[in-house]
């Protein structure tokens, strides 16, 4: 954008010599490559997400089993706080 638009380099001169059919072919090739890239990204995201969610669930379950007494105490305290606020105490 900083370049003077009136100046043309060798690449731009070559681009002006392309036919409309060549441009269409390049566009189709770019679309195909982009489609492949998007498909690969979607596949990678789908593979990673379930494992990550499953791992997080398993870690949370293990933590809850190991710390059931602490979690019970926190739940009881939280419930008491909510009841206290509702009754105004």
N, C-alpha and C. Protein backbone atom coordinates (compact mmCIF):
# COMPACT_ATOMS: atom_id res chain seq x y z
N UNK A 1 0.81 -1.19 0.00
CA UNK A 1 0.00 0.00 0.00
C UNK A 1 0.85 1.25 0.00
N UNK A 2 2.07 1.10 0.46
CA UNK A 2 2.96 2.25 0.48
C UNK A 2 3.58 2.50 -0.89
N UNK A 3 3.47 1.51 -1.80
CA UNK A 3 4.07 1.67 -3.11
C UNK A 3 3.20 2.56 -3.99
N UNK A 4 3.86 3.24 -4.89
CA UNK A 4 3.16 4.04 -5.88
C UNK A 4 2.46 3.09 -6.84
N UNK A 5 1.15 3.20 -6.97
CA UNK A 5 0.38 2.29 -7.79
C UNK A 5 0.68 2.44 -9.28
N UNK A 6 1.27 3.54 -9.68
CA UNK A 6 1.56 3.74 -11.10
C UNK A 6 2.80 2.96 -11.54
N UNK A 7 3.63 2.53 -10.61
CA UNK A 7 4.82 1.76 -10.96
C UNK A 7 4.46 0.28 -10.99
N UNK A 8 4.98 -0.40 -12.01
CA UNK A 8 4.72 -1.84 -12.10
C UNK A 8 6.04 -2.58 -12.09
N UNK A 9 6.04 -3.68 -11.38
CA UNK A 9 7.21 -4.54 -11.35
C UNK A 9 7.05 -5.67 -12.35
N UNK A 10 8.06 -6.53 -12.45
CA UNK A 10 8.00 -7.63 -13.40
C UNK A 10 6.84 -8.59 -13.12
N UNK A 11 6.55 -8.81 -11.84
CA UNK A 11 5.47 -9.73 -11.50
C UNK A 11 4.12 -9.19 -11.97
N UNK A 12 3.89 -7.90 -11.77
CA UNK A 12 2.63 -7.31 -12.17
C UNK A 12 2.52 -7.30 -13.70
N UNK A 13 3.62 -7.07 -14.37
CA UNK A 13 3.60 -7.09 -15.83
C UNK A 13 3.23 -8.48 -16.34
N UNK A 14 3.76 -9.53 -15.69
CA UNK A 14 3.43 -10.89 -16.08
C UNK A 14 1.96 -11.18 -15.81
N UNK A 15 1.43 -10.66 -14.72
CA UNK A 15 0.03 -10.91 -14.38
C UNK A 15 -0.90 -10.29 -15.42
N UNK A 16 -0.52 -9.20 -15.98
CA UNK A 16 -1.36 -8.54 -16.99
C UNK A 16 -1.41 -9.36 -18.28
N UNK A 17 -0.43 -10.22 -18.49
CA UNK A 17 -0.39 -11.02 -19.70
C UNK A 17 -1.19 -12.31 -19.57
N UNK A 18 -1.70 -12.62 -18.40
CA UNK A 18 -2.48 -13.83 -18.22
C UNK A 18 -3.85 -13.68 -18.87
N UNK A 19 -4.35 -14.80 -19.34
CA UNK A 19 -5.68 -14.80 -19.93
C UNK A 19 -6.71 -14.95 -18.83
N UNK A 20 -7.94 -14.70 -19.18
CA UNK A 20 -9.02 -14.85 -18.22
C UNK A 20 -9.13 -16.32 -17.77
N UNK A 21 -8.90 -17.23 -18.68
CA UNK A 21 -8.96 -18.66 -18.34
C UNK A 21 -7.86 -19.02 -17.35
N UNK A 22 -6.67 -18.46 -17.49
CA UNK A 22 -5.58 -18.73 -16.54
C UNK A 22 -5.94 -18.20 -15.15
N UNK A 23 -6.53 -17.05 -15.12
CA UNK A 23 -6.94 -16.48 -13.83
C UNK A 23 -8.00 -17.36 -13.18
N UNK A 24 -8.98 -17.83 -13.98
CA UNK A 24 -10.02 -18.72 -13.45
C UNK A 24 -9.40 -20.00 -12.90
N UNK A 25 -8.44 -20.57 -13.61
CA UNK A 25 -7.77 -21.79 -13.16
C UNK A 25 -7.03 -21.56 -11.85
N UNK A 26 -6.35 -20.42 -11.74
CA UNK A 26 -5.64 -20.10 -10.50
C UNK A 26 -6.62 -19.93 -9.33
N UNK A 27 -7.76 -19.31 -9.61
CA UNK A 27 -8.76 -19.12 -8.58
C UNK A 27 -9.29 -20.47 -8.12
N UNK A 28 -9.59 -21.36 -9.06
CA UNK A 28 -10.07 -22.69 -8.70
C UNK A 28 -9.03 -23.47 -7.91
N UNK A 29 -7.77 -23.35 -8.29
CA UNK A 29 -6.71 -24.04 -7.57
C UNK A 29 -6.59 -23.49 -6.15
N UNK A 30 -6.67 -22.19 -6.01
CA UNK A 30 -6.60 -21.57 -4.69
C UNK A 30 -7.79 -22.00 -3.83
N UNK A 31 -8.97 -22.07 -4.43
CA UNK A 31 -10.16 -22.52 -3.69
C UNK A 31 -9.99 -23.96 -3.21
N UNK A 32 -9.46 -24.82 -4.07
CA UNK A 32 -9.25 -26.22 -3.70
C UNK A 32 -8.24 -26.32 -2.55
N UNK A 33 -7.15 -25.57 -2.64
CA UNK A 33 -6.14 -25.59 -1.58
C UNK A 33 -6.73 -25.06 -0.27
N UNK A 34 -7.52 -24.01 -0.36
CA UNK A 34 -8.15 -23.44 0.83
C UNK A 34 -9.13 -24.43 1.44
N UNK A 35 -9.89 -25.11 0.59
CA UNK A 35 -10.82 -26.13 1.07
C UNK A 35 -10.10 -27.25 1.79
N UNK A 36 -8.97 -27.70 1.24
CA UNK A 36 -8.18 -28.74 1.89
C UNK A 36 -7.65 -28.27 3.24
N UNK A 37 -7.21 -27.02 3.29
CA UNK A 37 -6.69 -26.46 4.54
C UNK A 37 -7.79 -26.39 5.60
N UNK A 38 -8.96 -25.92 5.21
CA UNK A 38 -10.08 -25.82 6.15
C UNK A 38 -10.48 -27.20 6.64
N UNK A 39 -10.53 -28.17 5.73
CA UNK A 39 -10.89 -29.54 6.12
C UNK A 39 -9.89 -30.10 7.11
N UNK A 40 -8.61 -29.83 6.90
CA UNK A 40 -7.58 -30.32 7.81
C UNK A 40 -7.71 -29.65 9.18
N UNK A 41 -8.00 -28.36 9.20
CA UNK A 41 -8.18 -27.65 10.47
C UNK A 41 -9.40 -28.16 11.23
N UNK A 42 -10.49 -28.39 10.52
CA UNK A 42 -11.70 -28.91 11.17
C UNK A 42 -11.43 -30.29 11.75
N UNK A 43 -10.75 -31.12 10.98
CA UNK A 43 -10.43 -32.47 11.44
C UNK A 43 -9.56 -32.42 12.70
N UNK A 44 -8.57 -31.57 12.69
CA UNK A 44 -7.68 -31.44 13.85
C UNK A 44 -8.45 -30.94 15.07
N UNK A 45 -9.35 -29.99 14.87
CA UNK A 45 -10.13 -29.45 15.98
C UNK A 45 -11.07 -30.51 16.55
N UNK A 46 -11.68 -31.30 15.67
CA UNK A 46 -12.60 -32.34 16.14
C UNK A 46 -11.86 -33.43 16.89
N UNK A 47 -10.66 -33.73 16.46
CA UNK A 47 -9.87 -34.76 17.15
C UNK A 47 -9.39 -34.26 18.51
N UNK A 48 -9.02 -33.01 18.59
CA UNK A 48 -8.46 -32.47 19.83
C UNK A 48 -9.53 -32.18 20.87
N UNK A 49 -10.67 -31.70 20.46
CA UNK A 49 -11.70 -31.28 21.41
C UNK A 49 -12.22 -32.42 22.28
N UNK A 50 -12.64 -33.54 21.70
CA UNK A 50 -13.16 -34.60 22.58
C UNK A 50 -12.12 -35.11 23.58
N UNK A 51 -10.89 -35.24 23.15
CA UNK A 51 -9.85 -35.69 24.07
C UNK A 51 -9.64 -34.68 25.19
N UNK A 52 -9.63 -33.44 24.86
CA UNK A 52 -9.43 -32.41 25.87
C UNK A 52 -10.59 -32.39 26.86
N UNK A 53 -11.82 -32.46 26.34
CA UNK A 53 -12.99 -32.46 27.22
C UNK A 53 -13.02 -33.72 28.07
N UNK A 54 -12.70 -34.84 27.47
CA UNK A 54 -12.69 -36.10 28.20
C UNK A 54 -11.62 -36.09 29.28
N UNK A 55 -10.45 -35.59 28.95
CA UNK A 55 -9.37 -35.49 29.93
C UNK A 55 -9.76 -34.58 31.10
N UNK A 56 -10.38 -33.46 30.78
CA UNK A 56 -10.79 -32.52 31.83
C UNK A 56 -11.84 -33.17 32.73
N UNK A 57 -12.78 -33.89 32.14
CA UNK A 57 -13.82 -34.55 32.93
C UNK A 57 -13.19 -35.60 33.85
N UNK A 58 -12.25 -36.37 33.31
CA UNK A 58 -11.61 -37.41 34.12
C UNK A 58 -10.79 -36.80 35.26
N UNK A 59 -10.10 -35.70 34.99
CA UNK A 59 -9.33 -35.04 36.04
C UNK A 59 -10.24 -34.48 37.13
N UNK A 60 -11.38 -33.92 36.72
CA UNK A 60 -12.32 -33.38 37.68
C UNK A 60 -12.92 -34.49 38.54
N UNK A 61 -13.25 -35.60 37.91
CA UNK A 61 -13.80 -36.72 38.67
C UNK A 61 -12.77 -37.26 39.67
N UNK A 62 -11.53 -37.39 39.24
CA UNK A 62 -10.48 -37.87 40.14
C UNK A 62 -10.27 -36.90 41.30
N UNK A 63 -10.30 -35.60 41.00
CA UNK A 63 -10.15 -34.60 42.06
C UNK A 63 -11.30 -34.70 43.05
N UNK A 64 -12.52 -34.85 42.54
CA UNK A 64 -13.69 -34.94 43.42
C UNK A 64 -13.61 -36.18 44.31
N UNK A 65 -13.15 -37.29 43.76
CA UNK A 65 -13.02 -38.51 44.56
C UNK A 65 -11.96 -38.36 45.65
N UNK A 66 -10.86 -37.72 45.32
CA UNK A 66 -9.76 -37.56 46.26
C UNK A 66 -10.08 -36.51 47.33
N UNK A 67 -10.95 -35.57 47.01
CA UNK A 67 -11.22 -34.46 47.92
C UNK A 67 -12.70 -34.36 48.26
N UNK A 68 -13.37 -35.48 48.42
CA UNK A 68 -14.82 -35.46 48.64
C UNK A 68 -15.18 -34.75 49.94
N UNK A 69 -14.40 -34.91 50.97
CA UNK A 69 -14.71 -34.26 52.25
C UNK A 69 -14.61 -32.74 52.12
N UNK A 70 -13.57 -32.28 51.46
CA UNK A 70 -13.37 -30.83 51.27
C UNK A 70 -14.50 -30.27 50.42
N UNK A 71 -14.86 -30.96 49.34
CA UNK A 71 -15.93 -30.48 48.47
C UNK A 71 -17.27 -30.47 49.20
N UNK A 72 -17.51 -31.47 50.03
CA UNK A 72 -18.76 -31.50 50.82
C UNK A 72 -18.81 -30.32 51.78
N UNK A 73 -17.70 -30.03 52.42
CA UNK A 73 -17.64 -28.90 53.35
C UNK A 73 -17.87 -27.59 52.61
N UNK A 74 -17.27 -27.43 51.44
CA UNK A 74 -17.47 -26.20 50.66
C UNK A 74 -18.92 -26.08 50.20
N UNK A 75 -19.51 -27.18 49.78
CA UNK A 75 -20.91 -27.15 49.35
C UNK A 75 -21.83 -26.78 50.52
N UNK A 76 -21.57 -27.34 51.68
CA UNK A 76 -22.37 -27.03 52.87
C UNK A 76 -22.23 -25.56 53.24
N UNK A 77 -21.00 -25.06 53.20
CA UNK A 77 -20.76 -23.65 53.51
C UNK A 77 -21.49 -22.75 52.51
N UNK A 78 -21.40 -23.09 51.21
CA UNK A 78 -22.08 -22.29 50.19
C UNK A 78 -23.58 -22.30 50.37
N UNK A 79 -24.14 -23.45 50.70
CA UNK A 79 -25.57 -23.55 50.94
C UNK A 79 -25.97 -22.71 52.15
N UNK A 80 -25.19 -22.77 53.21
CA UNK A 80 -25.47 -21.97 54.41
C UNK A 80 -25.42 -20.48 54.10
N UNK A 81 -24.49 -20.07 53.25
CA UNK A 81 -24.38 -18.65 52.86
C UNK A 81 -25.62 -18.22 52.07
N UNK A 82 -26.07 -19.06 51.17
CA UNK A 82 -27.26 -18.71 50.38
C UNK A 82 -28.49 -18.63 51.26
N UNK A 83 -28.64 -19.57 52.18
CA UNK A 83 -29.80 -19.55 53.10
C UNK A 83 -29.72 -18.31 53.98
N UNK A 84 -28.54 -17.99 54.46
CA UNK A 84 -28.36 -16.81 55.31
C UNK A 84 -28.72 -15.53 54.58
N UNK A 85 -28.40 -15.40 53.36
CA UNK A 85 -28.74 -14.20 52.59
C UNK A 85 -30.25 -14.11 52.36
N UNK A 86 -30.88 -15.23 52.11
CA UNK A 86 -32.32 -15.22 51.87
C UNK A 86 -33.11 -14.88 53.13
N UNK A 87 -32.62 -15.36 54.26
CA UNK A 87 -33.34 -15.08 55.51
C UNK A 87 -32.90 -13.77 56.14
N UNK A 88 -31.88 -13.16 55.59
CA UNK A 88 -31.43 -11.87 56.10
C UNK A 88 -30.53 -11.96 57.31
N UNK A 89 -29.95 -13.09 57.55
CA UNK A 89 -29.07 -13.26 58.73
C UNK A 89 -27.64 -13.13 58.37
